[in-house]
All heavy atoms as atom14 arrays in JSON, in Angstrom:
{
  "sequence": "YFVLANILEDLDKSKAISIYDKVIALNNRAACAY",
  "atom14_mask": [
    [1, 1, 1, 1, 1, 1, 1, 1, 1, 1, 1, 1, 0, 0],
    [1, 1, 1, 1, 1, 1, 1, 1, 1, 1, 1, 0, 0, 0],
    [1, 1, 1, 1, 1, 1, 1, 0, 0, 0, 0, 0, 0, 0],
    [1, 1, 1, 1, 1, 1, 1, 1, 0, 0, 0, 0, 0, 0],
    [1, 1, 1, 1, 1, 0, 0, 0, 0, 0, 0, 0, 0, 0],
    [1, 1, 1, 1, 1, 1, 1, 1, 0, 0, 0, 0, 0, 0],
    [1, 1, 1, 1, 1, 1, 1, 1, 0, 0, 0, 0, 0, 0],
    [1, 1, 1, 1, 1, 1, 1, 1, 0, 0, 0, 0, 0, 0],
    [1, 1, 1, 1, 1, 1, 1, 1, 1, 0, 0, 0, 0, 0],
    [1, 1, 1, 1, 1, 1, 1, 1, 0, 0, 0, 0, 0, 0],
    [1, 1, 1, 1, 1, 1, 1, 1, 0, 0, 0, 0, 0, 0],
    [1, 1, 1, 1, 1, 1, 1, 1, 0, 0, 0, 0, 0, 0],
    [1, 1, 1, 1, 1, 1, 1, 1, 1, 0, 0, 0, 0, 0],
    [1, 1, 1, 1, 1, 1, 0, 0, 0, 0, 0, 0, 0, 0],
    [1, 1, 1, 1, 1, 1, 1, 1, 1, 0, 0, 0, 0, 0],
    [1, 1, 1, 1, 1, 0, 0, 0, 0, 0, 0, 0, 0, 0],
    [1, 1, 1, 1, 1, 1, 1, 1, 0, 0, 0, 0, 0, 0],
    [1, 1, 1, 1, 1, 1, 0, 0, 0, 0, 0, 0, 0, 0],
    [1, 1, 1, 1, 1, 1, 1, 1, 0, 0, 0, 0, 0, 0],
    [1, 1, 1, 1, 1, 1, 1, 1, 1, 1, 1, 1, 0, 0],
    [1, 1, 1, 1, 1, 1, 1, 1, 0, 0, 0, 0, 0, 0],
    [1, 1, 1, 1, 1, 1, 1, 1, 1, 0, 0, 0, 0, 0],
    [1, 1, 1, 1, 1, 1, 1, 0, 0, 0, 0, 0, 0, 0],
    [1, 1, 1, 1, 1, 1, 1, 1, 0, 0, 0, 0, 0, 0],
    [1, 1, 1, 1, 1, 0, 0, 0, 0, 0, 0, 0, 0, 0],
    [1, 1, 1, 1, 1, 1, 1, 1, 0, 0, 0, 0, 0, 0],
    [1, 1, 1, 1, 1, 1, 1, 1, 0, 0, 0, 0, 0, 0],
    [1, 1, 1, 1, 1, 1, 1, 1, 0, 0, 0, 0, 0, 0],
    [1, 1, 1, 1, 1, 1, 1, 1, 1, 1, 1, 0, 0, 0],
    [1, 1, 1, 1, 1, 0, 0, 0, 0, 0, 0, 0, 0, 0],
    [1, 1, 1, 1, 1, 0, 0, 0, 0, 0, 0, 0, 0, 0],
    [1, 1, 1, 1, 1, 1, 0, 0, 0, 0, 0, 0, 0, 0],
    [1, 1, 1, 1, 1, 0, 0, 0, 0, 0, 0, 0, 0, 0],
    [1, 1, 1, 1, 1, 1, 1, 1, 1, 1, 1, 1, 0, 0]
  ],
  "atom14_positions": [
    [[367.0, -18.15, 159.75], [366.47, -16.81, 160.03], [366.23, -16.63, 161.53], [366.47, -15.57, 162.09], [365.17, -16.55, 159.27], [365.38, -16.09, 157.85], [365.05, -16.9, 156.78], [365.91, -14.83, 157.58], [365.24, -16.48, 155.47], [366.1, -14.39, 156.28], [365.77, -15.22, 155.23], [365.96, -14.79, 153.94], [0.0, 0.0, 0.0], [0.0, 0.0, 0.0]],
    [[365.78, -17.69, 162.2], [365.54, -17.64, 163.64], [366.84, -17.33, 164.39], [366.86, -16.5, 165.29], [364.94, -18.96, 164.11], [364.59, -18.98, 165.56], [363.41, -18.4, 166.02], [365.43, -19.57, 166.48], [363.09, -18.41, 167.37], [365.12, -19.58, 167.83], [363.94, -19.0, 168.27], [0.0, 0.0, 0.0], [0.0, 0.0, 0.0], [0.0, 0.0, 0.0]],
    [[367.91, -17.99, 164.0], [369.21, -17.74, 164.64], [369.63, -16.28, 164.44], [370.07, -15.61, 165.38], [370.29, -18.71, 164.09], [371.67, -18.31, 164.55], [369.97, -20.14, 164.49], [0.0, 0.0, 0.0], [0.0, 0.0, 0.0], [0.0, 0.0, 0.0], [0.0, 0.0, 0.0], [0.0, 0.0, 0.0], [0.0, 0.0, 0.0], [0.0, 0.0, 0.0]],
    [[369.47, -15.78, 163.22], [369.82, -14.38, 162.95], [368.98, -13.43, 163.8], [369.51, -12.49, 164.39], [369.64, -14.06, 161.47], [369.88, -12.61, 161.07], [371.32, -12.2, 161.37], [369.55, -12.41, 159.59], [0.0, 0.0, 0.0], [0.0, 0.0, 0.0], [0.0, 0.0, 0.0], [0.0, 0.0, 0.0], [0.0, 0.0, 0.0], [0.0, 0.0, 0.0]],
    [[367.69, -13.67, 163.88], [366.82, -12.8, 164.68], [367.24, -12.8, 166.14], [367.25, -11.75, 166.79], [365.37, -13.24, 164.54], [0.0, 0.0, 0.0], [0.0, 0.0, 0.0], [0.0, 0.0, 0.0], [0.0, 0.0, 0.0], [0.0, 0.0, 0.0], [0.0, 0.0, 0.0], [0.0, 0.0, 0.0], [0.0, 0.0, 0.0], [0.0, 0.0, 0.0]],
    [[367.59, -13.97, 166.67], [368.06, -14.05, 168.06], [369.3, -13.19, 168.28], [369.42, -12.52, 169.3], [368.37, -15.5, 168.45], [367.16, -16.24, 168.89], [366.34, -15.73, 169.63], [367.03, -17.46, 168.42], [0.0, 0.0, 0.0], [0.0, 0.0, 0.0], [0.0, 0.0, 0.0], [0.0, 0.0, 0.0], [0.0, 0.0, 0.0], [0.0, 0.0, 0.0]],
    [[370.21, -13.22, 167.33], [371.43, -12.42, 167.45], [371.09, -10.94, 167.38], [371.65, -10.13, 168.13], [372.43, -12.81, 166.34], [372.95, -14.23, 166.58], [373.58, -11.82, 166.27], [373.72, -14.81, 165.4], [0.0, 0.0, 0.0], [0.0, 0.0, 0.0], [0.0, 0.0, 0.0], [0.0, 0.0, 0.0], [0.0, 0.0, 0.0], [0.0, 0.0, 0.0]],
    [[370.15, -10.58, 166.53], [369.8, -9.17, 166.33], [369.0, -8.55, 167.46], [368.92, -7.34, 167.57], [369.03, -9.0, 165.02], [369.85, -9.17, 163.75], [368.94, -9.18, 162.53], [370.88, -8.06, 163.64], [0.0, 0.0, 0.0], [0.0, 0.0, 0.0], [0.0, 0.0, 0.0], [0.0, 0.0, 0.0], [0.0, 0.0, 0.0], [0.0, 0.0, 0.0]],
    [[368.39, -9.38, 168.29], [367.53, -8.84, 169.36], [368.22, -7.79, 170.21], [367.62, -6.8, 170.58], [367.0, -9.96, 170.26], [365.81, -10.65, 169.69], [365.15, -11.56, 170.7], [365.11, -11.23, 171.9], [364.67, -12.62, 170.27], [0.0, 0.0, 0.0], [0.0, 0.0, 0.0], [0.0, 0.0, 0.0], [0.0, 0.0, 0.0], [0.0, 0.0, 0.0]],
    [[369.46, -7.98, 170.53], [370.18, -7.02, 171.37], [370.69, -5.82, 170.58], [371.01, -4.79, 171.16], [371.36, -7.7, 172.08], [370.9, -8.67, 173.15], [369.81, -8.46, 173.71], [371.63, -9.63, 173.41], [0.0, 0.0, 0.0], [0.0, 0.0, 0.0], [0.0, 0.0, 0.0], [0.0, 0.0, 0.0], [0.0, 0.0, 0.0], [0.0, 0.0, 0.0]],
    [[370.8, -5.97, 169.28], [371.33, -4.89, 168.44], [370.24, -3.97, 167.9], [370.41, -2.75, 167.89], [372.12, -5.48, 167.27], [373.31, -6.35, 167.62], [373.88, -7.0, 166.37], [374.37, -5.51, 168.31], [0.0, 0.0, 0.0], [0.0, 0.0, 0.0], [0.0, 0.0, 0.0], [0.0, 0.0, 0.0], [0.0, 0.0, 0.0], [0.0, 0.0, 0.0]],
    [[369.17, -4.56, 167.41], [368.13, -3.79, 166.73], [366.82, -4.56, 166.8], [366.58, -5.46, 166.0], [368.56, -3.55, 165.28], [367.61, -2.66, 164.5], [366.47, -2.45, 164.95], [368.02, -2.19, 163.43], [0.0, 0.0, 0.0], [0.0, 0.0, 0.0], [0.0, 0.0, 0.0], [0.0, 0.0, 0.0], [0.0, 0.0, 0.0], [0.0, 0.0, 0.0]],
    [[365.99, -4.2, 167.77], [364.73, -4.93, 167.99], [363.82, -4.89, 166.77], [363.18, -5.87, 166.43], [364.0, -4.38, 169.21], [364.76, -4.62, 170.48], [363.91, -5.25, 171.52], [364.62, -5.37, 172.83], [365.72, -6.32, 172.84], [0.0, 0.0, 0.0], [0.0, 0.0, 0.0], [0.0, 0.0, 0.0], [0.0, 0.0, 0.0], [0.0, 0.0, 0.0]],
    [[363.75, -3.74, 166.09], [362.85, -3.64, 164.94], [363.32, -4.55, 163.81], [362.5, -5.17, 163.12], [362.7, -2.2, 164.46], [363.92, -1.7, 164.0], [0.0, 0.0, 0.0], [0.0, 0.0, 0.0], [0.0, 0.0, 0.0], [0.0, 0.0, 0.0], [0.0, 0.0, 0.0], [0.0, 0.0, 0.0], [0.0, 0.0, 0.0], [0.0, 0.0, 0.0]],
    [[364.61, -4.67, 163.63], [365.13, -5.57, 162.61], [364.89, -7.02, 163.01], [364.53, -7.86, 162.18], [366.62, -5.32, 162.37], [367.15, -6.02, 161.15], [368.51, -5.53, 160.76], [368.95, -6.24, 159.48], [370.26, -5.8, 159.03], [0.0, 0.0, 0.0], [0.0, 0.0, 0.0], [0.0, 0.0, 0.0], [0.0, 0.0, 0.0], [0.0, 0.0, 0.0]],
    [[365.07, -7.32, 164.28], [364.79, -8.68, 164.77], [363.32, -9.04, 164.53], [363.02, -10.15, 164.1], [365.14, -8.8, 166.25], [0.0, 0.0, 0.0], [0.0, 0.0, 0.0], [0.0, 0.0, 0.0], [0.0, 0.0, 0.0], [0.0, 0.0, 0.0], [0.0, 0.0, 0.0], [0.0, 0.0, 0.0], [0.0, 0.0, 0.0], [0.0, 0.0, 0.0]],
    [[362.44, -8.1, 164.79], [361.0, -8.33, 164.56], [360.74, -8.66, 163.1], [360.0, -9.59, 162.78], [360.18, -7.12, 165.04], [360.17, -7.08, 166.58], [358.75, -7.17, 164.49], [359.63, -5.78, 167.17], [0.0, 0.0, 0.0], [0.0, 0.0, 0.0], [0.0, 0.0, 0.0], [0.0, 0.0, 0.0], [0.0, 0.0, 0.0], [0.0, 0.0, 0.0]],
    [[361.37, -7.91, 162.2], [361.14, -8.18, 160.77], [361.71, -9.54, 160.36], [361.14, -10.22, 159.51], [361.72, -7.06, 159.91], [363.11, -7.07, 159.92], [0.0, 0.0, 0.0], [0.0, 0.0, 0.0], [0.0, 0.0, 0.0], [0.0, 0.0, 0.0], [0.0, 0.0, 0.0], [0.0, 0.0, 0.0], [0.0, 0.0, 0.0], [0.0, 0.0, 0.0]],
    [[362.79, -9.96, 161.0], [363.35, -11.28, 160.7], [362.44, -12.38, 161.26], [362.21, -13.41, 160.63], [364.79, -11.43, 161.23], [365.71, -10.39, 160.6], [365.32, -12.84, 161.0], [365.92, -10.53, 159.12], [0.0, 0.0, 0.0], [0.0, 0.0, 0.0], [0.0, 0.0, 0.0], [0.0, 0.0, 0.0], [0.0, 0.0, 0.0], [0.0, 0.0, 0.0]],
    [[361.88, -12.15, 162.45], [360.91, -13.12, 162.99], [359.71, -13.23, 162.05], [359.13, -14.32, 161.91], [360.47, -12.74, 164.41], [361.49, -13.08, 165.45], [361.94, -12.12, 166.35], [362.03, -14.36, 165.56], [362.89, -12.41, 167.32], [362.98, -14.67, 166.52], [363.4, -13.69, 167.39], [364.35, -14.01, 168.34], [0.0, 0.0, 0.0], [0.0, 0.0, 0.0]],
    [[359.33, -12.15, 161.39], [358.25, -12.23, 160.4], [358.62, -13.19, 159.28], [357.76, -13.94, 158.78], [357.95, -10.85, 159.81], [357.21, -9.94, 160.78], [356.53, -10.46, 161.69], [357.29, -8.71, 160.6], [0.0, 0.0, 0.0], [0.0, 0.0, 0.0], [0.0, 0.0, 0.0], [0.0, 0.0, 0.0], [0.0, 0.0, 0.0], [0.0, 0.0, 0.0]],
    [[359.88, -13.2, 158.87], [360.33, -14.13, 157.83], [360.26, -15.57, 158.33], [359.88, -16.48, 157.59], [361.74, -13.79, 157.38], [361.81, -12.51, 156.59], [363.22, -12.22, 156.13], [363.25, -10.89, 155.4], [364.55, -10.62, 154.8], [0.0, 0.0, 0.0], [0.0, 0.0, 0.0], [0.0, 0.0, 0.0], [0.0, 0.0, 0.0], [0.0, 0.0, 0.0]],
    [[360.64, -15.76, 159.59], [360.56, -17.11, 160.18], [359.12, -17.59, 160.13], [358.83, -18.71, 159.69], [361.08, -17.12, 161.63], [360.85, -18.48, 162.28], [362.54, -16.73, 161.69], [0.0, 0.0, 0.0], [0.0, 0.0, 0.0], [0.0, 0.0, 0.0], [0.0, 0.0, 0.0], [0.0, 0.0, 0.0], [0.0, 0.0, 0.0], [0.0, 0.0, 0.0]],
    [[358.21, -16.74, 160.55], [356.79, -17.09, 160.61], [356.24, -17.34, 159.21], [355.43, -18.25, 159.0], [356.01, -16.01, 161.38], [356.41, -16.05, 162.86], [354.51, -16.2, 161.21], [356.0, -14.83, 163.66], [0.0, 0.0, 0.0], [0.0, 0.0, 0.0], [0.0, 0.0, 0.0], [0.0, 0.0, 0.0], [0.0, 0.0, 0.0], [0.0, 0.0, 0.0]],
    [[356.69, -16.56, 158.23], [356.25, -16.77, 156.85], [356.7, -18.14, 156.34], [355.97, -18.79, 155.59], [356.78, -15.66, 155.95], [0.0, 0.0, 0.0], [0.0, 0.0, 0.0], [0.0, 0.0, 0.0], [0.0, 0.0, 0.0], [0.0, 0.0, 0.0], [0.0, 0.0, 0.0], [0.0, 0.0, 0.0], [0.0, 0.0, 0.0], [0.0, 0.0, 0.0]],
    [[357.88, -18.56, 156.75], [358.4, -19.86, 156.32], [357.83, -21.01, 157.13], [357.72, -22.14, 156.64], [359.93, -19.87, 156.42], [360.64, -18.97, 155.4], [362.12, -18.82, 155.78], [360.5, -19.55, 154.0], [0.0, 0.0, 0.0], [0.0, 0.0, 0.0], [0.0, 0.0, 0.0], [0.0, 0.0, 0.0], [0.0, 0.0, 0.0], [0.0, 0.0, 0.0]],
    [[357.5, -20.76, 158.4], [356.97, -21.81, 159.28], [356.0, -21.16, 160.27], [356.41, -20.72, 161.34], [358.11, -22.51, 160.02], [357.61, -23.6, 160.95], [356.41, -23.85, 161.04], [358.52, -24.25, 161.65], [0.0, 0.0, 0.0], [0.0, 0.0, 0.0], [0.0, 0.0, 0.0], [0.0, 0.0, 0.0], [0.0, 0.0, 0.0], [0.0, 0.0, 0.0]],
    [[354.73, -21.15, 159.9], [353.75, -20.47, 160.76], [353.41, -21.26, 162.02], [352.59, -20.84, 162.81], [352.47, -20.13, 159.98], [351.7, -21.35, 159.56], [352.14, -22.48, 159.74], [350.55, -21.13, 158.97], [0.0, 0.0, 0.0], [0.0, 0.0, 0.0], [0.0, 0.0, 0.0], [0.0, 0.0, 0.0], [0.0, 0.0, 0.0], [0.0, 0.0, 0.0]],
    [[354.07, -22.39, 162.23], [353.89, -23.18, 163.46], [355.08, -23.01, 164.41], [355.19, -23.73, 165.4], [353.73, -24.67, 163.12], [352.56, -24.99, 162.2], [351.21, -24.78, 162.8], [351.05, -25.63, 163.96], [350.13, -25.44, 164.9], [349.29, -24.44, 164.82], [350.05, -26.23, 165.93], [0.0, 0.0, 0.0], [0.0, 0.0, 0.0], [0.0, 0.0, 0.0]],
    [[355.95, -22.07, 164.13], [357.14, -21.84, 164.95], [356.76, -20.99, 166.17], [356.89, -19.77, 166.17], [358.23, -21.16, 164.14], [0.0, 0.0, 0.0], [0.0, 0.0, 0.0], [0.0, 0.0, 0.0], [0.0, 0.0, 0.0], [0.0, 0.0, 0.0], [0.0, 0.0, 0.0], [0.0, 0.0, 0.0], [0.0, 0.0, 0.0], [0.0, 0.0, 0.0]],
    [[356.27, -21.66, 167.19], [355.82, -20.97, 168.4], [356.93, -20.1, 168.99], [356.68, -19.01, 169.5], [355.32, -21.97, 169.43], [0.0, 0.0, 0.0], [0.0, 0.0, 0.0], [0.0, 0.0, 0.0], [0.0, 0.0, 0.0], [0.0, 0.0, 0.0], [0.0, 0.0, 0.0], [0.0, 0.0, 0.0], [0.0, 0.0, 0.0], [0.0, 0.0, 0.0]],
    [[358.16, -20.59, 168.89], [359.28, -19.84, 169.45], [359.45, -18.49, 168.75], [359.84, -17.51, 169.38], [360.56, -20.65, 169.36], [360.92, -21.27, 167.71], [0.0, 0.0, 0.0], [0.0, 0.0, 0.0], [0.0, 0.0, 0.0], [0.0, 0.0, 0.0], [0.0, 0.0, 0.0], [0.0, 0.0, 0.0], [0.0, 0.0, 0.0], [0.0, 0.0, 0.0]],
    [[359.17, -18.42, 167.46], [359.29, -17.16, 166.74], [358.24, -16.17, 167.22], [358.52, -14.98, 167.41], [359.19, -17.38, 165.24], [0.0, 0.0, 0.0], [0.0, 0.0, 0.0], [0.0, 0.0, 0.0], [0.0, 0.0, 0.0], [0.0, 0.0, 0.0], [0.0, 0.0, 0.0], [0.0, 0.0, 0.0], [0.0, 0.0, 0.0], [0.0, 0.0, 0.0]],
    [[357.01, -16.65, 167.42], [355.95, -15.78, 167.94], [356.32, -15.29, 169.34], [356.15, -14.11, 169.66], [354.62, -16.52, 168.0], [353.98, -16.76, 166.67], [354.07, -17.99, 166.04], [353.27, -15.76, 166.02], [353.48, -18.23, 164.81], [352.66, -15.99, 164.79], [352.77, -17.23, 164.19], [352.17, -17.45, 162.98], [0.0, 0.0, 0.0], [0.0, 0.0, 0.0]]
  ]
}
């Protein structure tokens, strides 16, 4: 999910944000996602 969010950042920030939420839900210690 993190890789997907990184790709989406340039295309659709709001979608990238929602994908980062999934990363955080799966791993709340993922500082890079925050």
